[in-house]
């Protein structure tokens, strides 16, 4: 979900920074400090969002592996049952 909001966050970050530069009656030093703070906040958001995305991707992969292993076991059991049924049918006269 955070990935869907990332482009809007970045656009808002740029818009807010630009608007702040145009409208804020601050000294250059204060403006630079504000811009640095905003940039650090943006970086922190991106780091957090990437960590969340990595965690979600890992969870999905692990869940997929579990489901695949379960399906493999079910398929093997069905195959074994089919082989047994074939051998029984092959041995018994009709």
C-alpha atoms as a PDB file:
ATOM      1  CA  UNK A   1       0.000   0.000   0.000  1.00  0.00           C
ATOM      2  CA  UNK A   2       2.885   2.371   0.751  1.00  0.00           C
ATOM      3  CA  UNK A   3       4.238   1.814  -2.769  1.00  0.00           C
ATOM      4  CA  UNK A   4       1.028   3.292  -4.235  1.00  0.00           C
ATOM      5  CA  UNK A   5       1.518   6.521  -2.278  1.00  0.00           C
ATOM      6  CA  UNK A   6       5.234   6.958  -2.956  1.00  0.00           C
ATOM      7  CA  UNK A   7       4.868   8.977  -6.214  1.00  0.00           C
ATOM      8  CA  UNK A   8       2.349  11.280  -4.541  1.00  0.00           C
ATOM      9  CA  UNK A   9       4.659  11.718  -1.559  1.00  0.00           C
ATOM     10  CA  UNK A  10       7.597  12.634  -3.792  1.00  0.00           C
ATOM     11  CA  UNK A  11       5.459  15.032  -5.832  1.00  0.00           C
ATOM     12  CA  UNK A  12       4.141  16.630  -2.635  1.00  0.00           C
ATOM     13  CA  UNK A  13       7.652  16.873  -1.281  1.00  0.00           C
ATOM     14  CA  UNK A  14       8.820  18.748  -4.375  1.00  0.00           C
ATOM     15  CA  UNK A  15       5.744  20.970  -4.473  1.00  0.00           C
ATOM     16  CA  UNK A  16       6.030  21.802  -0.787  1.00  0.00           C
ATOM     17  CA  UNK A  17       9.728  22.588  -1.046  1.00  0.00           C
ATOM     18  CA  UNK A  18       9.163  24.859  -4.037  1.00  0.00           C
ATOM     19  CA  UNK A  19       6.239  26.603  -2.394  1.00  0.00           C
ATOM     20  CA  UNK A  20       8.269  27.027   0.764  1.00  0.00           C
ATOM     21  CA  UNK A  21      11.125  28.656  -1.116  1.00  0.00           C
ATOM     22  CA  UNK A  22       8.792  31.062  -2.886  1.00  0.00           C
ATOM     23  CA  UNK A  23       6.604  32.079   0.040  1.00  0.00           C
ATOM     24  CA  UNK A  24       8.807  31.751   3.114  1.00  0.00           C
ATOM     25  CA  UNK A  25      10.397  34.989   4.245  1.00  0.00           C
ATOM     26  CA  UNK A  26      13.352  33.234   5.887  1.00  0.00           C
ATOM     27  CA  UNK A  27      17.059  33.728   5.603  1.00  0.00           C
ATOM     28  CA  UNK A  28      18.941  31.440   3.271  1.00  0.00           C
ATOM     29  CA  UNK A  29      20.510  29.551   6.167  1.00  0.00           C
ATOM     30  CA  UNK A  30      17.109  28.804   7.695  1.00  0.00           C
ATOM     31  CA  UNK A  31      15.695  27.796   4.326  1.00  0.00           C
ATOM     32  CA  UNK A  32      18.604  25.422   3.702  1.00  0.00           C
ATOM     33  CA  UNK A  33      18.100  23.884   7.142  1.00  0.00           C
ATOM     34  CA  UNK A  34      14.401  23.402   6.401  1.00  0.00           C
ATOM     35  CA  UNK A  35      15.159  21.846   3.021  1.00  0.00           C
ATOM     36  CA  UNK A  36      17.678  19.509   4.627  1.00  0.00           C
ATOM     37  CA  UNK A  37      15.098  18.461   7.208  1.00  0.00           C
ATOM     38  CA  UNK A  38      12.491  17.821   4.512  1.00  0.00           C
ATOM     39  CA  UNK A  39      15.000  15.847   2.453  1.00  0.00           C
ATOM     40  CA  UNK A  40      15.917  13.745   5.499  1.00  0.00           C
ATOM     41  CA  UNK A  41      12.232  13.123   6.216  1.00  0.00           C
ATOM     42  CA  UNK A  42      11.758  12.012   2.601  1.00  0.00           C
ATOM     43  CA  UNK A  43      14.768   9.728   2.807  1.00  0.00           C
ATOM     44  CA  UNK A  44      13.473   8.212   6.041  1.00  0.00           C
ATOM     45  CA  UNK A  45      10.092   7.588   4.417  1.00  0.00           C
ATOM     46  CA  UNK A  46      11.691   5.893   1.408  1.00  0.00           C
ATOM     47  CA  UNK A  47      13.879   3.706   3.634  1.00  0.00           C
ATOM     48  CA  UNK A  48      10.873   2.709   5.744  1.00  0.00           C
ATOM     49  CA  UNK A  49       8.704   2.044   2.680  1.00  0.00           C
ATOM     50  CA  UNK A  50      11.405  -0.089   1.067  1.00  0.00           C
ATOM     51  CA  UNK A  51      11.811  -2.070   4.295  1.00  0.00           C
ATOM     52  CA  UNK A  52       8.068  -2.641   4.426  1.00  0.00           C
ATOM     53  CA  UNK A  53       8.009  -3.703   0.783  1.00  0.00           C
ATOM     54  CA  UNK A  54      10.919  -6.088   1.363  1.00  0.00           C
ATOM     55  CA  UNK A  55       9.151  -7.627   4.361  1.00  0.00           C
ATOM     56  CA  UNK A  56       5.919  -8.020   2.401  1.00  0.00           C
ATOM     57  CA  UNK A  57       7.750  -9.604  -0.537  1.00  0.00           C
ATOM     58  CA  UNK A  58       9.533 -12.034   1.783  1.00  0.00           C
ATOM     59  CA  UNK A  59       6.215 -12.999   3.372  1.00  0.00           C
ATOM     60  CA  UNK A  60       4.634 -13.610  -0.035  1.00  0.00           C
ATOM     61  CA  UNK A  61       7.566 -15.754  -1.175  1.00  0.00           C
ATOM     62  CA  UNK A  62       7.498 -17.798   2.033  1.00  0.00           C
ATOM     63  CA  UNK A  63       3.744 -18.295   1.711  1.00  0.00           C
ATOM     64  CA  UNK A  64       4.188 -19.346  -1.907  1.00  0.00           C
ATOM     65  CA  UNK A  65       6.837 -21.891  -0.949  1.00  0.00           C
ATOM     66  CA  UNK A  66       4.570 -23.316   1.748  1.00  0.00           C
ATOM     67  CA  UNK A  67       1.645 -23.623  -0.654  1.00  0.00           C
ATOM     68  CA  UNK A  68       3.836 -25.194  -3.343  1.00  0.00           C
ATOM     69  CA  UNK A  69       5.197 -27.757  -0.898  1.00  0.00           C
ATOM     70  CA  UNK A  70       1.683 -28.576   0.288  1.00  0.00           C
ATOM     71  CA  UNK A  71       0.438 -29.011  -3.273  1.00  0.00           C
ATOM     72  CA  UNK A  72       3.464 -31.159  -4.103  1.00  0.00           C
ATOM     73  CA  UNK A  73       2.656 -33.443  -1.159  1.00  0.00           C
ATOM     74  CA  UNK A  74      -0.997 -33.712  -2.223  1.00  0.00           C
ATOM     75  CA  UNK A  75      -0.033 -34.474  -5.812  1.00  0.00           C
ATOM     76  CA  UNK A  76       2.448 -37.122  -4.690  1.00  0.00           C
ATOM     77  CA  UNK A  77      -0.206 -38.758  -2.499  1.00  0.00           C
ATOM     78  CA  UNK A  78      -2.689 -38.782  -5.391  1.00  0.00           C
ATOM     79  CA  UNK A  79      -0.067 -40.223  -7.731  1.00  0.00           C
ATOM     80  CA  UNK A  80       0.821 -42.961  -5.232  1.00  0.00           C
ATOM     81  CA  UNK A  81      -2.859 -43.818  -4.779  1.00  0.00           C
ATOM     82  CA  UNK A  82      -3.293 -44.016  -8.548  1.00  0.00           C
ATOM     83  CA  UNK A  83      -0.296 -46.328  -8.914  1.00  0.00           C
ATOM     84  CA  UNK A  84      -1.599 -48.590  -6.129  1.00  0.00           C
ATOM     85  CA  UNK A  85      -5.056 -48.690  -7.702  1.00  0.00           C
ATOM     86  CA  UNK A  86      -3.568 -49.535 -11.099  1.00  0.00           C
ATOM     87  CA  UNK A  87      -1.478 -52.365  -9.654  1.00  0.00           C
ATOM     88  CA  UNK A  88      -4.454 -53.785  -7.765  1.00  0.00           C
ATOM     89  CA  UNK A  89      -6.609 -53.610 -10.892  1.00  0.00           C
ATOM     90  CA  UNK A  90      -3.860 -55.184 -12.950  1.00  0.00           C
ATOM     91  CA  UNK A  91      -3.562 -58.146 -10.555  1.00  0.00           C
ATOM     92  CA  UNK A  92      -7.246 -58.905 -10.144  1.00  0.00           C
ATOM     93  CA  UNK A  93      -9.106 -60.684 -12.961  1.00  0.00           C
ATOM     94  CA  UNK A  94     -12.168 -59.041 -14.400  1.00  0.00           C
END
